[in-house]
Amino acid sequence: MNIEIRKINASEHYLVTDMFDKYRVFYKQDSNKQLANDYIKQRLENNESVIFLATNSETYLPVGFAQLFPRPSSIQGRMNWHLGDLYVEETARKNGIGGKLLRMSETFARGENSGVLTLNTGTDNLTAQSIYESNGYKRKNYLEGYFHYQLDLE
């Protein structure tokens, strides 16, 4: 599968609405497509997040996304980034899309002069943990049921 990844703008929010809803369901939330649509749209319109969309370059269908949030660091005197959401459609998994989205997020954060890129995932999400750890992220315990990961970008 050939994949193209690009940053989307607010007018393209609808491209990730269904996947964001599935992402929330994965984390044991009720499906609510209106909430998913409004949340994504508001984050992009308010410049509160950056979203990278992965599409199948043959069908042009969305197959995954990553949403990053800025995190100011008073100590470092700069903006760091947090990868809040990463999702790949079930039918597209095991094609390296999650890793590509992860690397695009890292490239973006480095380009923004971020010192670290962080993320959280469920302690039961073994597939995601494997991807993060194989890409150099360091795991720490976080809230009950979650791990916190950090990648030093310097």
C-alpha atoms as a PDB file:
ATOM      1  CA  MET A   1       0.000   0.000   0.000  1.00  0.00           C
ATOM      2  CA  ASN A   2       1.418   3.384  -1.017  1.00  0.00           C
ATOM      3  CA  ILE A   3       0.777   6.042   1.608  1.00  0.00           C
ATOM      4  CA  GLU A   4       0.862   9.815   1.406  1.00  0.00           C
ATOM      5  CA  ILE A   5       0.969  11.874   4.594  1.00  0.00           C
ATOM      6  CA  ARG A   6       0.184  15.554   4.757  1.00  0.00           C
ATOM      7  CA  LYS A   7      -0.844  18.216   7.225  1.00  0.00           C
ATOM      8  CA  ILE A   8      -4.506  19.173   6.909  1.00  0.00           C
ATOM      9  CA  ASN A   9      -6.171  22.531   7.493  1.00  0.00           C
ATOM     10  CA  ALA A  10      -9.404  23.403   9.285  1.00  0.00           C
ATOM     11  CA  SER A  11     -11.535  23.137   6.134  1.00  0.00           C
ATOM     12  CA  GLU A  12     -10.483  19.472   5.861  1.00  0.00           C
ATOM     13  CA  HIS A  13     -11.456  18.478   9.412  1.00  0.00           C
ATOM     14  CA  TYR A  14     -14.154  16.117   8.131  1.00  0.00           C
ATOM     15  CA  LEU A  15     -11.464  13.812   6.687  1.00  0.00           C
ATOM     16  CA  VAL A  16     -10.590  12.543  10.172  1.00  0.00           C
ATOM     17  CA  THR A  17     -13.998  12.723  11.900  1.00  0.00           C
ATOM     18  CA  ASP A  18     -14.901   9.029  11.462  1.00  0.00           C
ATOM     19  CA  MET A  19     -11.421   7.836  12.422  1.00  0.00           C
ATOM     20  CA  PHE A  20     -11.373  10.109  15.477  1.00  0.00           C
ATOM     21  CA  ASP A  21     -14.713   8.640  16.539  1.00  0.00           C
ATOM     22  CA  LYS A  22     -13.278   5.099  16.176  1.00  0.00           C
ATOM     23  CA  TYR A  23     -10.200   6.193  18.135  1.00  0.00           C
ATOM     24  CA  ARG A  24     -12.406   7.369  21.007  1.00  0.00           C
ATOM     25  CA  VAL A  25     -14.391   4.104  20.915  1.00  0.00           C
ATOM     26  CA  PHE A  26     -11.083   2.193  21.149  1.00  0.00           C
ATOM     27  CA  TYR A  27     -10.468   4.096  24.400  1.00  0.00           C
ATOM     28  CA  LYS A  28     -13.883   2.979  25.704  1.00  0.00           C
ATOM     29  CA  GLN A  29     -15.883   6.124  24.914  1.00  0.00           C
ATOM     30  CA  ASP A  30     -19.348   6.020  23.362  1.00  0.00           C
ATOM     31  CA  SER A  31     -19.479   6.685  19.632  1.00  0.00           C
ATOM     32  CA  ASN A  32     -20.468  10.285  18.981  1.00  0.00           C
ATOM     33  CA  LYS A  33     -19.674  11.491  15.475  1.00  0.00           C
ATOM     34  CA  GLN A  34     -21.007  14.991  16.099  1.00  0.00           C
ATOM     35  CA  LEU A  35     -18.706  15.387  19.094  1.00  0.00           C
ATOM     36  CA  ALA A  36     -15.798  13.995  17.030  1.00  0.00           C
ATOM     37  CA  ASN A  37     -16.506  16.386  14.171  1.00  0.00           C
ATOM     38  CA  ASP A  38     -16.884  19.428  16.421  1.00  0.00           C
ATOM     39  CA  TYR A  39     -13.794  18.603  18.478  1.00  0.00           C
ATOM     40  CA  ILE A  40     -11.512  18.185  15.461  1.00  0.00           C
ATOM     41  CA  LYS A  41     -12.936  21.242  13.721  1.00  0.00           C
ATOM     42  CA  GLN A  42     -12.511  23.456  16.800  1.00  0.00           C
ATOM     43  CA  ARG A  43      -8.931  22.317  17.463  1.00  0.00           C
ATOM     44  CA  LEU A  44      -7.897  23.153  13.902  1.00  0.00           C
ATOM     45  CA  GLU A  45      -9.871  26.423  13.657  1.00  0.00           C
ATOM     46  CA  ASN A  46      -8.376  27.635  16.955  1.00  0.00           C
ATOM     47  CA  ASN A  47      -4.843  26.533  15.991  1.00  0.00           C
ATOM     48  CA  GLU A  48      -4.799  24.287  19.062  1.00  0.00           C
ATOM     49  CA  SER A  49      -3.520  21.233  17.223  1.00  0.00           C
ATOM     50  CA  VAL A  50      -1.819  20.010  14.078  1.00  0.00           C
ATOM     51  CA  ILE A  51      -3.159  16.950  12.249  1.00  0.00           C
ATOM     52  CA  PHE A  52      -1.313  14.759   9.787  1.00  0.00           C
ATOM     53  CA  LEU A  53      -3.526  12.633   7.541  1.00  0.00           C
ATOM     54  CA  ALA A  54      -2.386   9.389   5.928  1.00  0.00           C
ATOM     55  CA  THR A  55      -4.157   8.473   2.695  1.00  0.00           C
ATOM     56  CA  ASN A  56      -3.905   5.527   0.359  1.00  0.00           C
ATOM     57  CA  SER A  57      -2.306   7.114  -2.717  1.00  0.00           C
ATOM     58  CA  GLU A  58      -4.177   4.733  -5.027  1.00  0.00           C
ATOM     59  CA  THR A  59      -7.704   5.154  -3.627  1.00  0.00           C
ATOM     60  CA  TYR A  60      -7.186   8.580  -1.950  1.00  0.00           C
ATOM     61  CA  LEU A  61      -9.069   7.234   1.068  1.00  0.00           C
ATOM     62  CA  PRO A  62      -7.972   8.301   4.571  1.00  0.00           C
ATOM     63  CA  VAL A  63      -6.331   5.416   6.427  1.00  0.00           C
ATOM     64  CA  GLY A  64      -4.864   7.089   9.520  1.00  0.00           C
ATOM     65  CA  PHE A  65      -4.088  10.303  11.342  1.00  0.00           C
ATOM     66  CA  ALA A  66      -1.931  11.799  14.052  1.00  0.00           C
ATOM     67  CA  GLN A  67      -2.942  14.845  16.120  1.00  0.00           C
ATOM     68  CA  LEU A  68      -0.293  16.872  17.936  1.00  0.00           C
ATOM     69  CA  PHE A  69      -0.803  19.498  20.623  1.00  0.00           C
ATOM     70  CA  PRO A  70       1.652  22.236  21.595  1.00  0.00           C
ATOM     71  CA  ARG A  71       3.042  22.069  25.136  1.00  0.00           C
ATOM     72  CA  PRO A  72       4.946  25.120  26.330  1.00  0.00           C
ATOM     73  CA  SER A  73       8.000  24.508  28.490  1.00  0.00           C
ATOM     74  CA  SER A  74       8.873  27.367  30.823  1.00  0.00           C
ATOM     75  CA  ILE A  75      12.128  25.651  31.799  1.00  0.00           C
ATOM     76  CA  GLN A  76      13.294  25.093  28.219  1.00  0.00           C
ATOM     77  CA  GLY A  77      11.832  28.395  27.046  1.00  0.00           C
ATOM     78  CA  ARG A  78      10.230  26.829  24.004  1.00  0.00           C
ATOM     79  CA  MET A  79       7.263  24.888  22.706  1.00  0.00           C
ATOM     80  CA  ASN A  80       7.324  21.108  22.913  1.00  0.00           C
ATOM     81  CA  TRP A  81       4.745  18.847  21.296  1.00  0.00           C
ATOM     82  CA  HIS A  82       2.487  16.074  22.554  1.00  0.00           C
ATOM     83  CA  LEU A  83       1.157  13.403  20.218  1.00  0.00           C
ATOM     84  CA  GLY A  84      -2.348  13.205  21.615  1.00  0.00           C
ATOM     85  CA  ASP A  85      -3.974  10.900  19.089  1.00  0.00           C
ATOM     86  CA  LEU A  86      -2.713   8.361  16.565  1.00  0.00           C
ATOM     87  CA  TYR A  87      -5.063   6.033  14.733  1.00  0.00           C
ATOM     88  CA  VAL A  88      -4.843   3.679  11.753  1.00  0.00           C
ATOM     89  CA  GLU A  89      -7.913   2.071  10.185  1.00  0.00           C
ATOM     90  CA  GLU A  90      -8.155  -1.643  11.014  1.00  0.00           C
ATOM     91  CA  THR A  91      -8.111  -2.592   7.320  1.00  0.00           C
ATOM     92  CA  ALA A  92      -4.844  -0.673   6.817  1.00  0.00           C
ATOM     93  CA  ARG A  93      -2.918  -1.908   9.850  1.00  0.00           C
ATOM     94  CA  LYS A  94       0.355  -3.833   9.575  1.00  0.00           C
ATOM     95  CA  ASN A  95       1.455  -1.672   6.628  1.00  0.00           C
ATOM     96  CA  GLY A  96       3.779   0.620   8.592  1.00  0.00           C
ATOM     97  CA  ILE A  97       1.347   3.536   8.583  1.00  0.00           C
ATOM     98  CA  GLY A  98       1.557   4.109  12.347  1.00  0.00           C
ATOM     99  CA  GLY A  99       5.347   4.297  12.104  1.00  0.00           C
ATOM    100  CA  LYS A 100       5.140   6.738   9.182  1.00  0.00           C
ATOM    101  CA  LEU A 101       2.748   8.980  11.093  1.00  0.00           C
ATOM    102  CA  LEU A 102       5.037   8.794  14.101  1.00  0.00           C
ATOM    103  CA  ARG A 103       8.099   9.789  12.055  1.00  0.00           C
ATOM    104  CA  MET A 104       6.182  12.650  10.381  1.00  0.00           C
ATOM    105  CA  SER A 105       5.224  13.887  13.847  1.00  0.00           C
ATOM    106  CA  GLU A 106       8.863  13.717  14.958  1.00  0.00           C
ATOM    107  CA  THR A 107      10.035  15.594  11.847  1.00  0.00           C
ATOM    108  CA  PHE A 108       7.439  18.276  12.468  1.00  0.00           C
ATOM    109  CA  ALA A 109       8.373  18.664  16.149  1.00  0.00           C
ATOM    110  CA  ARG A 110      12.073  18.902  15.298  1.00  0.00           C
ATOM    111  CA  GLY A 111      11.257  21.535  12.671  1.00  0.00           C
ATOM    112  CA  GLU A 112       9.467  23.511  15.365  1.00  0.00           C
ATOM    113  CA  ASN A 113      12.613  23.373  17.556  1.00  0.00           C
ATOM    114  CA  SER A 114      10.898  21.149  20.112  1.00  0.00           C
ATOM    115  CA  GLY A 115      13.098  19.492  22.714  1.00  0.00           C
ATOM    116  CA  VAL A 116      10.814  16.489  23.223  1.00  0.00           C
ATOM    117  CA  LEU A 117       7.823  14.751  21.736  1.00  0.00           C
ATOM    118  CA  THR A 118       5.590  13.022  24.272  1.00  0.00           C
ATOM    119  CA  LEU A 119       2.586  10.711  24.110  1.00  0.00           C
ATOM    120  CA  ASN A 120       0.459   8.443  26.282  1.00  0.00           C
ATOM    121  CA  THR A 121      -1.063   5.057  25.529  1.00  0.00           C
ATOM    122  CA  GLY A 122      -3.046   2.433  27.371  1.00  0.00           C
ATOM    123  CA  THR A 123      -1.111  -0.232  29.247  1.00  0.00           C
ATOM    124  CA  ASP A 124      -3.091  -2.810  27.261  1.00  0.00           C
ATOM    125  CA  ASN A 125      -2.183  -1.321  23.846  1.00  0.00           C
ATOM    126  CA  LEU A 126       0.780  -3.623  23.217  1.00  0.00           C
ATOM    127  CA  THR A 127       0.946  -2.931  19.472  1.00  0.00           C
ATOM    128  CA  ALA A 128       1.357   0.810  20.004  1.00  0.00           C
ATOM    129  CA  GLN A 129       3.892   0.265  22.794  1.00  0.00           C
ATOM    130  CA  SER A 130       5.989  -1.867  20.460  1.00  0.00           C
ATOM    131  CA  ILE A 131       5.959   0.824  17.752  1.00  0.00           C
ATOM    132  CA  TYR A 132       6.883   3.589  20.202  1.00  0.00           C
ATOM    133  CA  GLU A 133       9.668   1.645  21.884  1.00  0.00           C
ATOM    134  CA  SER A 134      11.163   0.495  18.576  1.00  0.00           C
ATOM    135  CA  ASN A 135      11.310   4.166  17.549  1.00  0.00           C
ATOM    136  CA  GLY A 136      13.314   5.240  20.598  1.00  0.00           C
ATOM    137  CA  TYR A 137      10.581   6.426  22.945  1.00  0.00           C
ATOM    138  CA  LYS A 138      11.251   5.900  26.642  1.00  0.00           C
ATOM    139  CA  ARG A 139       8.370   4.560  28.748  1.00  0.00           C
ATOM    140  CA  LYS A 140       7.371   5.787  32.178  1.00  0.00           C
ATOM    141  CA  ASN A 141       4.389   4.895  34.345  1.00  0.00           C
ATOM    142  CA  TYR A 142       1.674   7.482  34.177  1.00  0.00           C
ATOM    143  CA  LEU A 143      -1.915   7.452  35.349  1.00  0.00           C
ATOM    144  CA  GLU A 144      -3.446   4.113  36.233  1.00  0.00           C
ATOM    145  CA  GLY A 145      -3.994   2.234  32.998  1.00  0.00           C
ATOM    146  CA  TYR A 146      -1.662   4.398  30.894  1.00  0.00           C
ATOM    147  CA  PHE A 147       2.001   4.712  30.039  1.00  0.00           C
ATOM    148  CA  HIS A 148       3.746   7.984  29.234  1.00  0.00           C
ATOM    149  CA  TYR A 149       6.383   7.994  26.494  1.00  0.00           C
ATOM    150  CA  GLN A 150       8.982  10.606  25.672  1.00  0.00           C
ATOM    151  CA  LEU A 151      11.346  10.990  22.732  1.00  0.00           C
ATOM    152  CA  ASP A 152      14.260  13.402  23.187  1.00  0.00           C
ATOM    153  CA  LEU A 153      14.690  15.308  19.929  1.00  0.00           C
ATOM    154  CA  GLU A 154      18.132  16.722  20.599  1.00  0.00           C
END
